[in-house]
Amino acid sequence: MKKITPFITVLAILAVICLNKAAIAVKHTVLVSNFTFTPSSLNVMVGDTVRWEWSSGSHTTTSGVIPGGAASWDHPITSSNTSYDYPVTAAGTFNYVCTPHASMGMVATFTATDLVPTLSVSPLNRAVTATSGTTTFSVTSNSGWTSSSDAAWCTVTPSGNGNGSITATFEANSSNSIRVATITTTVAGITPQTATVTQAISTVGLDEQTINYLQVYPNPSTGVFNVKTGKSMSQISEVTIMDITGRTILSGSYPGAVECTFDLSSQPKGYYFIQVKNGYKSVVRQLLLVN
């Protein structure tokens, strides 16, 4: 088994590389007519295909000086052999000619470059409710990619090719602790990208007196929410809203109020802290903004 494992690893790496090249493979067409290749020069990527198509006359496409490791070719392009496809497997400049008409200037080139893989994932975090559900991340890439989650409660789309999306499916959070799943997205040859799913705590089982002391609802919220006093707080005097770093987003005085409405629709999604003061009492509640 130990002898087989390295071989399997090599096959897996080769499969990812092939997937990356297939993600952007393009077929480039060169028209072959009397004494000309059109276009006479091309820029292509390794993994692309160059196709010569007959237009008129009797010609060949025949390799001249080409990069080391690349396969040479010599193929007729005539009314009975109307096309020839050449897969590009190496980077560099490929010179070719029409053998019968090279002296008449029927020569051309194409230059191949290696794929430079790209990858970005957005957003970097999704804040979700304590209930089970799904959320998505956008992937922008020119290559094949894989993704994985480090948390058993959150599973993700395992792979994709080029631009796409990752669907994260999460289970309900029955604990009274926030939990975070890290999603890692990988493209061969570049640094992996990570994003997170942050799941809110469950309110099941919280002490009824604590709930009634001060209510923030709906929570999670899409932006608009209410702060309302409970049995143990007669009125609201001051409210301060802070982001997860402690930076104040909003603050104000509301003397004598028992309920206030706020709108954080313009703020980034995630966790916020709501601090409410009434005389000597100060209560902090957590708010989750979601899409």
C-alpha atoms as a PDB file:
ATOM      1  CA  MET A   1       0.000   0.000   0.000  1.00  0.00           C
ATOM      2  CA  LYS A   2       2.872   2.369   0.783  1.00  0.00           C
ATOM      3  CA  LYS A   3       4.285   1.824  -2.717  1.00  0.00           C
ATOM      4  CA  ILE A   4       0.963   2.647  -4.405  1.00  0.00           C
ATOM      5  CA  THR A   5       0.221   5.852  -2.482  1.00  0.00           C
ATOM      6  CA  PRO A   6       2.849   8.082  -4.212  1.00  0.00           C
ATOM      7  CA  PHE A   7       1.563   6.905  -7.604  1.00  0.00           C
ATOM      8  CA  ILE A   8      -2.010   7.817  -6.656  1.00  0.00           C
ATOM      9  CA  THR A   9      -0.806  11.229  -5.451  1.00  0.00           C
ATOM     10  CA  VAL A  10       0.924  11.877  -8.776  1.00  0.00           C
ATOM     11  CA  LEU A  11      -2.226  10.898 -10.666  1.00  0.00           C
ATOM     12  CA  ALA A  12      -4.284  13.296  -8.527  1.00  0.00           C
ATOM     13  CA  ILE A  13      -1.882  16.173  -9.209  1.00  0.00           C
ATOM     14  CA  LEU A  14      -1.906  15.431 -12.942  1.00  0.00           C
ATOM     15  CA  ALA A  15      -5.700  15.332 -12.923  1.00  0.00           C
ATOM     16  CA  VAL A  16      -5.879  18.797 -11.322  1.00  0.00           C
ATOM     17  CA  ILE A  17      -3.362  20.181 -13.838  1.00  0.00           C
ATOM     18  CA  CYS A  18      -5.341  18.734 -16.747  1.00  0.00           C
ATOM     19  CA  LEU A  19      -8.548  20.174 -15.291  1.00  0.00           C
ATOM     20  CA  ASN A  20      -6.906  23.585 -15.018  1.00  0.00           C
ATOM     21  CA  LYS A  21      -5.864  23.558 -18.669  1.00  0.00           C
ATOM     22  CA  ALA A  22      -9.267  22.313 -19.812  1.00  0.00           C
ATOM     23  CA  ALA A  23     -10.965  25.166 -17.987  1.00  0.00           C
ATOM     24  CA  ILE A  24      -9.896  27.746 -20.581  1.00  0.00           C
ATOM     25  CA  ALA A  25      -8.964  25.642 -23.646  1.00  0.00           C
ATOM     26  CA  VAL A  26      -9.668  27.473 -26.914  1.00  0.00           C
ATOM     27  CA  LYS A  27      -9.569  26.324 -30.552  1.00  0.00           C
ATOM     28  CA  HIS A  28      -7.875  28.865 -32.828  1.00  0.00           C
ATOM     29  CA  THR A  29      -8.592  28.700 -36.570  1.00  0.00           C
ATOM     30  CA  VAL A  30      -6.090  29.520 -39.323  1.00  0.00           C
ATOM     31  CA  LEU A  31      -7.475  29.761 -42.870  1.00  0.00           C
ATOM     32  CA  VAL A  32      -5.251  28.261 -45.565  1.00  0.00           C
ATOM     33  CA  SER A  33      -5.608  29.797 -49.018  1.00  0.00           C
ATOM     34  CA  ASN A  34      -3.320  30.390 -51.973  1.00  0.00           C
ATOM     35  CA  PHE A  35       0.035  31.436 -50.529  1.00  0.00           C
ATOM     36  CA  THR A  36      -1.205  32.725 -47.180  1.00  0.00           C
ATOM     37  CA  PHE A  37      -2.025  31.575 -43.667  1.00  0.00           C
ATOM     38  CA  THR A  38      -4.615  33.869 -42.092  1.00  0.00           C
ATOM     39  CA  PRO A  39      -3.767  35.028 -39.479  1.00  0.00           C
ATOM     40  CA  SER A  40      -0.026  34.649 -39.986  1.00  0.00           C
ATOM     41  CA  SER A  41       0.660  34.971 -36.247  1.00  0.00           C
ATOM     42  CA  LEU A  42      -1.309  33.888 -33.176  1.00  0.00           C
ATOM     43  CA  ASN A  43      -1.048  34.105 -29.413  1.00  0.00           C
ATOM     44  CA  VAL A  44      -2.353  30.956 -27.733  1.00  0.00           C
ATOM     45  CA  MET A  45      -2.248  29.229 -24.358  1.00  0.00           C
ATOM     46  CA  VAL A  46      -0.778  25.833 -23.557  1.00  0.00           C
ATOM     47  CA  GLY A  47      -3.767  23.488 -23.677  1.00  0.00           C
ATOM     48  CA  ASP A  48      -5.358  25.280 -26.643  1.00  0.00           C
ATOM     49  CA  THR A  49      -5.713  23.775 -30.137  1.00  0.00           C
ATOM     50  CA  VAL A  50      -4.637  25.329 -33.435  1.00  0.00           C
ATOM     51  CA  ARG A  51      -6.803  24.258 -36.388  1.00  0.00           C
ATOM     52  CA  TRP A  52      -5.859  24.832 -40.036  1.00  0.00           C
ATOM     53  CA  GLU A  53      -8.849  24.936 -42.392  1.00  0.00           C
ATOM     54  CA  TRP A  54      -8.679  24.756 -46.186  1.00  0.00           C
ATOM     55  CA  SER A  55      -9.946  27.697 -48.211  1.00  0.00           C
ATOM     56  CA  SER A  56      -8.293  27.288 -51.625  1.00  0.00           C
ATOM     57  CA  GLY A  57      -5.331  25.691 -53.363  1.00  0.00           C
ATOM     58  CA  SER A  58      -3.245  22.691 -52.362  1.00  0.00           C
ATOM     59  CA  HIS A  59      -1.003  23.245 -49.348  1.00  0.00           C
ATOM     60  CA  THR A  60       0.536  21.763 -46.212  1.00  0.00           C
ATOM     61  CA  THR A  61       1.012  22.888 -42.653  1.00  0.00           C
ATOM     62  CA  THR A  62       4.487  21.744 -41.698  1.00  0.00           C
ATOM     63  CA  SER A  63       6.383  22.521 -38.502  1.00  0.00           C
ATOM     64  CA  GLY A  64       9.735  24.280 -38.619  1.00  0.00           C
ATOM     65  CA  VAL A  65      11.579  25.457 -35.505  1.00  0.00           C
ATOM     66  CA  ILE A  66       9.392  24.690 -32.492  1.00  0.00           C
ATOM     67  CA  PRO A  67       9.925  24.490 -28.684  1.00  0.00           C
ATOM     68  CA  GLY A  68      11.703  21.494 -27.246  1.00  0.00           C
ATOM     69  CA  GLY A  69       9.354  18.733 -26.183  1.00  0.00           C
ATOM     70  CA  ALA A  70       6.627  19.771 -28.609  1.00  0.00           C
ATOM     71  CA  ALA A  71       5.490  17.323 -31.287  1.00  0.00           C
ATOM     72  CA  SER A  72       6.339  18.155 -34.902  1.00  0.00           C
ATOM     73  CA  TRP A  73       3.688  17.936 -37.633  1.00  0.00           C
ATOM     74  CA  ASP A  74       3.338  17.734 -41.405  1.00  0.00           C
ATOM     75  CA  HIS A  75      -0.184  17.546 -42.784  1.00  0.00           C
ATOM     76  CA  PRO A  76      -1.785  18.321 -46.164  1.00  0.00           C
ATOM     77  CA  ILE A  77      -4.456  21.015 -46.320  1.00  0.00           C
ATOM     78  CA  THR A  78      -6.356  20.431 -49.558  1.00  0.00           C
ATOM     79  CA  SER A  79      -9.890  20.089 -50.867  1.00  0.00           C
ATOM     80  CA  SER A  80      -9.829  16.451 -49.730  1.00  0.00           C
ATOM     81  CA  ASN A  81      -7.971  17.078 -46.435  1.00  0.00           C
ATOM     82  CA  THR A  82      -9.802  20.159 -45.293  1.00  0.00           C
ATOM     83  CA  SER A  83      -8.540  20.546 -41.721  1.00  0.00           C
ATOM     84  CA  TYR A  84      -5.886  19.574 -39.212  1.00  0.00           C
ATOM     85  CA  ASP A  85      -5.931  20.084 -35.418  1.00  0.00           C
ATOM     86  CA  TYR A  86      -2.748  20.512 -33.395  1.00  0.00           C
ATOM     87  CA  PRO A  87      -2.965  20.428 -29.559  1.00  0.00           C
ATOM     88  CA  VAL A  88      -0.481  22.843 -27.986  1.00  0.00           C
ATOM     89  CA  THR A  89       1.456  21.110 -25.205  1.00  0.00           C
ATOM     90  CA  ALA A  90       4.488  23.354 -24.712  1.00  0.00           C
ATOM     91  CA  ALA A  91       5.216  27.060 -24.284  1.00  0.00           C
ATOM     92  CA  GLY A  92       7.254  28.970 -26.852  1.00  0.00           C
ATOM     93  CA  THR A  93       7.192  30.085 -30.493  1.00  0.00           C
ATOM     94  CA  PHE A  94       6.124  27.623 -33.190  1.00  0.00           C
ATOM     95  CA  ASN A  95       7.260  28.322 -36.764  1.00  0.00           C
ATOM     96  CA  TYR A  96       5.549  26.525 -39.646  1.00  0.00           C
ATOM     97  CA  VAL A  97       5.338  26.674 -43.419  1.00  0.00           C
ATOM     98  CA  CYS A  98       3.492  25.393 -46.446  1.00  0.00           C
ATOM     99  CA  THR A  99       6.162  23.129 -47.912  1.00  0.00           C
ATOM    100  CA  PRO A 100       5.381  23.742 -51.640  1.00  0.00           C
ATOM    101  CA  HIS A 101       5.066  27.495 -51.162  1.00  0.00           C
ATOM    102  CA  ALA A 102       7.553  28.391 -48.429  1.00  0.00           C
ATOM    103  CA  SER A 103       9.808  30.142 -50.946  1.00  0.00           C
ATOM    104  CA  MET A 104       6.820  32.307 -51.893  1.00  0.00           C
ATOM    105  CA  GLY A 105       6.492  33.530 -48.325  1.00  0.00           C
ATOM    106  CA  MET A 106       3.808  31.133 -47.115  1.00  0.00           C
ATOM    107  CA  VAL A 107       5.155  31.005 -43.555  1.00  0.00           C
ATOM    108  CA  ALA A 108       3.566  31.741 -40.187  1.00  0.00           C
ATOM    109  CA  THR A 109       3.988  31.421 -36.418  1.00  0.00           C
ATOM    110  CA  PHE A 110       2.054  31.029 -33.216  1.00  0.00           C
ATOM    111  CA  THR A 111       3.322  31.725 -29.706  1.00  0.00           C
ATOM    112  CA  ALA A 112       2.093  29.729 -26.719  1.00  0.00           C
ATOM    113  CA  THR A 113       2.256  30.801 -23.080  1.00  0.00           C
ATOM    114  CA  ASP A 114       1.536  28.819 -19.937  1.00  0.00           C
ATOM    115  CA  LEU A 115      -1.673  29.324 -18.022  1.00  0.00           C
ATOM    116  CA  VAL A 116      -1.321  31.675 -15.039  1.00  0.00           C
ATOM    117  CA  PRO A 117      -4.004  30.406 -12.652  1.00  0.00           C
ATOM    118  CA  THR A 118      -6.265  32.887 -10.863  1.00  0.00           C
ATOM    119  CA  LEU A 119      -8.650  32.483  -7.942  1.00  0.00           C
ATOM    120  CA  SER A 120     -10.801  34.684  -5.744  1.00  0.00           C
ATOM    121  CA  VAL A 121     -13.668  33.853  -3.392  1.00  0.00           C
ATOM    122  CA  SER A 122     -16.312  36.261  -2.093  1.00  0.00           C
ATOM    123  CA  PRO A 123     -17.562  37.209   0.356  1.00  0.00           C
ATOM    124  CA  LEU A 124     -14.906  36.268   2.903  1.00  0.00           C
ATOM    125  CA  ASN A 125     -17.563  35.474   5.517  1.00  0.00           C
ATOM    126  CA  ARG A 126     -21.219  34.506   5.613  1.00  0.00           C
ATOM    127  CA  ALA A 127     -23.061  35.107   8.874  1.00  0.00           C
ATOM    128  CA  VAL A 128     -25.936  32.634   9.203  1.00  0.00           C
ATOM    129  CA  THR A 129     -28.697  31.890  11.684  1.00  0.00           C
ATOM    130  CA  ALA A 130     -28.709  29.128  14.287  1.00  0.00           C
ATOM    131  CA  THR A 131     -31.197  27.099  12.225  1.00  0.00           C
ATOM    132  CA  SER A 132     -30.061  24.716   9.473  1.00  0.00           C
ATOM    133  CA  GLY A 133     -29.813  25.985   5.913  1.00  0.00           C
ATOM    134  CA  THR A 134     -27.506  26.849   3.006  1.00  0.00           C
ATOM    135  CA  THR A 135     -25.454  29.823   1.878  1.00  0.00           C
ATOM    136  CA  THR A 136     -23.232  30.452  -1.131  1.00  0.00           C
ATOM    137  CA  PHE A 137     -19.833  31.908  -2.014  1.00  0.00           C
ATOM    138  CA  SER A 138     -18.859  33.141  -5.490  1.00  0.00           C
ATOM    139  CA  VAL A 139     -15.704  31.725  -7.095  1.00  0.00           C
ATOM    140  CA  THR A 140     -13.867  33.615  -9.843  1.00  0.00           C
ATOM    141  CA  SER A 141     -11.174  31.525 -11.523  1.00  0.00           C
ATOM    142  CA  ASN A 142      -9.709  30.475 -14.862  1.00  0.00           C
ATOM    143  CA  SER A 143      -8.918  26.989 -13.567  1.00  0.00           C
ATOM    144  CA  GLY A 144     -10.347  23.899 -11.963  1.00  0.00           C
ATOM    145  CA  TRP A 145     -10.682  24.181  -8.179  1.00  0.00           C
ATOM    146  CA  THR A 146     -11.531  22.115  -5.105  1.00  0.00           C
ATOM    147  CA  SER A 147     -13.059  23.173  -1.800  1.00  0.00           C
ATOM    148  CA  SER A 148     -13.339  21.689   1.675  1.00  0.00           C
ATOM    149  CA  SER A 149     -14.705  22.556   5.111  1.00  0.00           C
ATOM    150  CA  ASP A 150     -12.944  21.995   8.430  1.00  0.00           C
ATOM    151  CA  ALA A 151     -16.237  21.523  10.313  1.00  0.00           C
ATOM    152  CA  ALA A 152     -18.427  18.417  10.232  1.00  0.00           C
ATOM    153  CA  TRP A 153     -21.582  20.552  10.657  1.00  0.00           C
ATOM    154  CA  CYS A 154     -20.856  22.464   7.449  1.00  0.00           C
ATOM    155  CA  THR A 155     -20.406  20.658   4.115  1.00  0.00           C
ATOM    156  CA  VAL A 156     -19.487  22.323   0.819  1.00  0.00           C
ATOM    157  CA  THR A 157     -19.466  21.834  -2.950  1.00  0.00           C
ATOM    158  CA  PRO A 158     -16.304  19.718  -3.437  1.00  0.00           C
ATOM    159  CA  SER A 159     -15.075  21.102  -6.766  1.00  0.00           C
ATOM    160  CA  GLY A 160     -15.739  23.261  -9.796  1.00  0.00           C
ATOM    161  CA  ASN A 161     -14.231  24.472 -13.045  1.00  0.00           C
ATOM    162  CA  GLY A 162     -13.709  28.173 -13.805  1.00  0.00           C
ATOM    163  CA  ASN A 163     -16.195  30.735 -12.503  1.00  0.00           C
ATOM    164  CA  GLY A 164     -18.831  29.205 -10.259  1.00  0.00           C
ATOM    165  CA  SER A 165     -20.090  29.028  -6.703  1.00  0.00           C
ATOM    166  CA  ILE A 166     -19.652  27.049  -3.505  1.00  0.00           C
ATOM    167  CA  THR A 167     -22.793  26.007  -1.657  1.00  0.00           C
ATOM    168  CA  ALA A 168     -22.269  25.576   2.072  1.00  0.00           C
ATOM    169  CA  THR A 169     -24.893  23.441   3.836  1.00  0.00           C
ATOM    170  CA  PHE A 170     -24.952  23.879   7.617  1.00  0.00           C
ATOM    171  CA  GLU A 171     -26.712  22.046  10.420  1.00  0.00           C
ATOM    172  CA  ALA A 172     -28.654  23.748  13.236  1.00  0.00           C
ATOM    173  CA  ASN A 173     -26.572  25.094  16.112  1.00  0.00           C
ATOM    174  CA  SER A 174     -28.114  23.827  19.328  1.00  0.00           C
ATOM    175  CA  SER A 175     -25.341  25.196  21.555  1.00  0.00           C
ATOM    176  CA  ASN A 176     -25.077  28.601  23.216  1.00  0.00           C
ATOM    177  CA  SER A 177     -21.749  29.349  21.494  1.00  0.00           C
ATOM    178  CA  ILE A 178     -21.041  30.953  18.139  1.00  0.00           C
ATOM    179  CA  ARG A 179     -19.240  28.543  15.816  1.00  0.00           C
ATOM    180  CA  VAL A 180     -17.170  29.083  12.705  1.00  0.00           C
ATOM    181  CA  ALA A 181     -16.430  26.776   9.761  1.00  0.00           C
ATOM    182  CA  THR A 182     -13.432  27.591   7.566  1.00  0.00           C
ATOM    183  CA  ILE A 183     -13.810  26.808   3.859  1.00  0.00           C
ATOM    184  CA  THR A 184     -10.591  26.356   1.887  1.00  0.00           C
ATOM    185  CA  THR A 185     -10.619  26.739  -1.917  1.00  0.00           C
ATOM    186  CA  THR A 186      -7.610  25.426  -3.845  1.00  0.00           C
ATOM    187  CA  VAL A 187      -6.230  25.856  -7.365  1.00  0.00           C
ATOM    188  CA  ALA A 188      -2.985  24.095  -8.270  1.00  0.00           C
ATOM    189  CA  GLY A 189      -0.011  26.442  -8.319  1.00  0.00           C
ATOM    190  CA  ILE A 190      -1.336  29.313  -6.184  1.00  0.00           C
ATOM    191  CA  THR A 191      -2.038  30.051  -2.529  1.00  0.00           C
ATOM    192  CA  PRO A 192      -5.385  28.595  -1.343  1.00  0.00           C
ATOM    193  CA  GLN A 193      -8.188  31.027  -0.539  1.00  0.00           C
ATOM    194  CA  THR A 194     -10.277  30.780   2.640  1.00  0.00           C
ATOM    195  CA  ALA A 195     -13.720  31.987   3.653  1.00  0.00           C
ATOM    196  CA  THR A 196     -15.809  31.359   6.750  1.00  0.00           C
ATOM    197  CA  VAL A 197     -19.351  30.532   7.774  1.00  0.00           C
ATOM    198  CA  THR A 198     -20.150  32.076  11.169  1.00  0.00           C
ATOM    199  CA  GLN A 199     -23.232  30.603  12.792  1.00  0.00           C
ATOM    200  CA  ALA A 200     -25.259  32.348  15.496  1.00  0.00           C
ATOM    201  CA  ILE A 201     -26.003  30.825  18.888  1.00  0.00           C
ATOM    202  CA  SER A 202     -29.249  29.092  19.719  1.00  0.00           C
ATOM    203  CA  THR A 203     -31.655  30.909  22.023  1.00  0.00           C
ATOM    204  CA  VAL A 204     -33.294  27.660  23.120  1.00  0.00           C
ATOM    205  CA  GLY A 205     -33.017  27.162  26.888  1.00  0.00           C
ATOM    206  CA  LEU A 206     -32.049  30.749  27.784  1.00  0.00           C
ATOM    207  CA  ASP A 207     -33.374  31.905  31.135  1.00  0.00           C
ATOM    208  CA  GLU A 208     -36.783  33.527  30.685  1.00  0.00           C
ATOM    209  CA  GLN A 209     -35.844  36.397  32.994  1.00  0.00           C
ATOM    210  CA  THR A 210     -32.791  37.121  30.816  1.00  0.00           C
ATOM    211  CA  ILE A 211     -34.937  37.133  27.677  1.00  0.00           C
ATOM    212  CA  ASN A 212     -37.476  39.477  29.249  1.00  0.00           C
ATOM    213  CA  TYR A 213     -34.813  41.845  30.611  1.00  0.00           C
ATOM    214  CA  LEU A 214     -34.249  43.328  27.150  1.00  0.00           C
ATOM    215  CA  GLN A 215     -35.336  42.128  23.736  1.00  0.00           C
ATOM    216  CA  VAL A 216     -33.636  42.704  20.375  1.00  0.00           C
ATOM    217  CA  TYR A 217     -35.809  41.427  17.535  1.00  0.00           C
ATOM    218  CA  PRO A 218     -35.908  40.134  14.894  1.00  0.00           C
ATOM    219  CA  ASN A 219     -32.528  38.590  15.551  1.00  0.00           C
ATOM    220  CA  PRO A 220     -30.985  37.612  13.152  1.00  0.00           C
ATOM    221  CA  SER A 221     -32.080  40.629  11.138  1.00  0.00           C
ATOM    222  CA  THR A 222     -31.708  41.746   7.534  1.00  0.00           C
ATOM    223  CA  GLY A 223     -31.176  45.335   8.726  1.00  0.00           C
ATOM    224  CA  VAL A 224     -34.211  46.746  10.532  1.00  0.00           C
ATOM    225  CA  PHE A 225     -34.681  45.621  14.137  1.00  0.00           C
ATOM    226  CA  ASN A 226     -36.272  46.733  17.415  1.00  0.00           C
ATOM    227  CA  VAL A 227     -34.898  47.167  20.927  1.00  0.00           C
ATOM    228  CA  LYS A 228     -37.594  46.746  23.580  1.00  0.00           C
ATOM    229  CA  THR A 229     -37.441  46.810  27.370  1.00  0.00           C
ATOM    230  CA  GLY A 230     -38.608  43.797  29.357  1.00  0.00           C
ATOM    231  CA  LYS A 231     -39.903  43.168  32.836  1.00  0.00           C
ATOM    232  CA  SER A 232     -36.734  44.259  34.610  1.00  0.00           C
ATOM    233  CA  MET A 233     -35.998  47.425  32.625  1.00  0.00           C
ATOM    234  CA  SER A 234     -38.703  50.092  32.633  1.00  0.00           C
ATOM    235  CA  GLN A 235     -37.314  52.358  29.896  1.00  0.00           C
ATOM    236  CA  ILE A 236     -34.454  53.043  27.538  1.00  0.00           C
ATOM    237  CA  SER A 237     -32.211  56.046  28.075  1.00  0.00           C
ATOM    238  CA  GLU A 238     -29.178  55.419  25.812  1.00  0.00           C
ATOM    239  CA  VAL A 239     -28.382  52.991  22.993  1.00  0.00           C
ATOM    240  CA  THR A 240     -24.944  52.313  21.511  1.00  0.00           C
ATOM    241  CA  ILE A 241     -24.406  49.940  18.566  1.00  0.00           C
ATOM    242  CA  MET A 242     -20.884  48.567  18.005  1.00  0.00           C
ATOM    243  CA  ASP A 243     -19.371  46.265  15.396  1.00  0.00           C
ATOM    244  CA  ILE A 244     -17.410  43.112  16.221  1.00  0.00           C
ATOM    245  CA  THR A 245     -14.213  45.173  16.708  1.00  0.00           C
ATOM    246  CA  GLY A 246     -15.874  47.471  19.254  1.00  0.00           C
ATOM    247  CA  ARG A 247     -16.134  50.450  16.896  1.00  0.00           C
ATOM    248  CA  THR A 248     -19.263  52.550  17.528  1.00  0.00           C
ATOM    249  CA  ILE A 249     -21.629  52.480  14.542  1.00  0.00           C
ATOM    250  CA  LEU A 250     -24.490  54.436  16.095  1.00  0.00           C
ATOM    251  CA  SER A 251     -25.343  55.992  19.441  1.00  0.00           C
ATOM    252  CA  GLY A 252     -28.129  58.132  20.778  1.00  0.00           C
ATOM    253  CA  SER A 253     -30.335  59.133  23.697  1.00  0.00           C
ATOM    254  CA  TYR A 254     -33.935  57.941  23.928  1.00  0.00           C
ATOM    255  CA  PRO A 255     -35.232  59.151  27.342  1.00  0.00           C
ATOM    256  CA  GLY A 256     -38.430  57.487  28.432  1.00  0.00           C
ATOM    257  CA  ALA A 257     -38.664  55.133  25.439  1.00  0.00           C
ATOM    258  CA  VAL A 258     -39.673  51.518  25.924  1.00  0.00           C
ATOM    259  CA  GLU A 259     -39.060  50.501  22.305  1.00  0.00           C
ATOM    260  CA  CYS A 260     -36.819  51.885  19.546  1.00  0.00           C
ATOM    261  CA  THR A 261     -36.360  50.885  15.900  1.00  0.00           C
ATOM    262  CA  PHE A 262     -32.959  50.899  14.153  1.00  0.00           C
ATOM    263  CA  ASP A 263     -31.801  50.281  10.598  1.00  0.00           C
ATOM    264  CA  LEU A 264     -28.361  48.788   9.850  1.00  0.00           C
ATOM    265  CA  SER A 265     -29.204  47.815   6.259  1.00  0.00           C
ATOM    266  CA  SER A 266     -26.227  49.770   4.945  1.00  0.00           C
ATOM    267  CA  GLN A 267     -23.760  47.996   7.241  1.00  0.00           C
ATOM    268  CA  PRO A 268     -21.777  44.839   6.376  1.00  0.00           C
ATOM    269  CA  LYS A 269     -23.355  41.537   7.349  1.00  0.00           C
ATOM    270  CA  GLY A 270     -22.075  39.987  10.550  1.00  0.00           C
ATOM    271  CA  TYR A 271     -22.246  40.385  14.324  1.00  0.00           C
ATOM    272  CA  TYR A 272     -22.951  43.615  16.238  1.00  0.00           C
ATOM    273  CA  PHE A 273     -23.327  44.488  19.914  1.00  0.00           C
ATOM    274  CA  ILE A 274     -26.290  46.500  21.210  1.00  0.00           C
ATOM    275  CA  GLN A 275     -25.624  48.263  24.525  1.00  0.00           C
ATOM    276  CA  VAL A 276     -28.666  49.725  26.300  1.00  0.00           C
ATOM    277  CA  LYS A 277     -28.429  51.909  29.405  1.00  0.00           C
ATOM    278  CA  ASN A 278     -31.135  52.963  31.851  1.00  0.00           C
ATOM    279  CA  GLY A 279     -29.758  54.767  34.842  1.00  0.00           C
ATOM    280  CA  TYR A 280     -27.414  52.403  36.633  1.00  0.00           C
ATOM    281  CA  LYS A 281     -28.341  49.431  34.449  1.00  0.00           C
ATOM    282  CA  SER A 282     -26.364  48.524  31.329  1.00  0.00           C
ATOM    283  CA  VAL A 283     -27.323  45.532  29.176  1.00  0.00           C
ATOM    284  CA  VAL A 284     -25.551  44.213  26.072  1.00  0.00           C
ATOM    285  CA  ARG A 285     -27.211  42.062  23.425  1.00  0.00           C
ATOM    286  CA  GLN A 286     -25.690  40.505  20.328  1.00  0.00           C
ATOM    287  CA  LEU A 287     -27.263  41.092  16.910  1.00  0.00           C
ATOM    288  CA  LEU A 288     -26.593  39.121  13.729  1.00  0.00           C
ATOM    289  CA  LEU A 289     -27.120  40.840  10.353  1.00  0.00           C
ATOM    290  CA  VAL A 290     -27.806  38.419   7.499  1.00  0.00           C
ATOM    291  CA  ASN A 291     -28.672  38.664   3.817  1.00  0.00           C
END
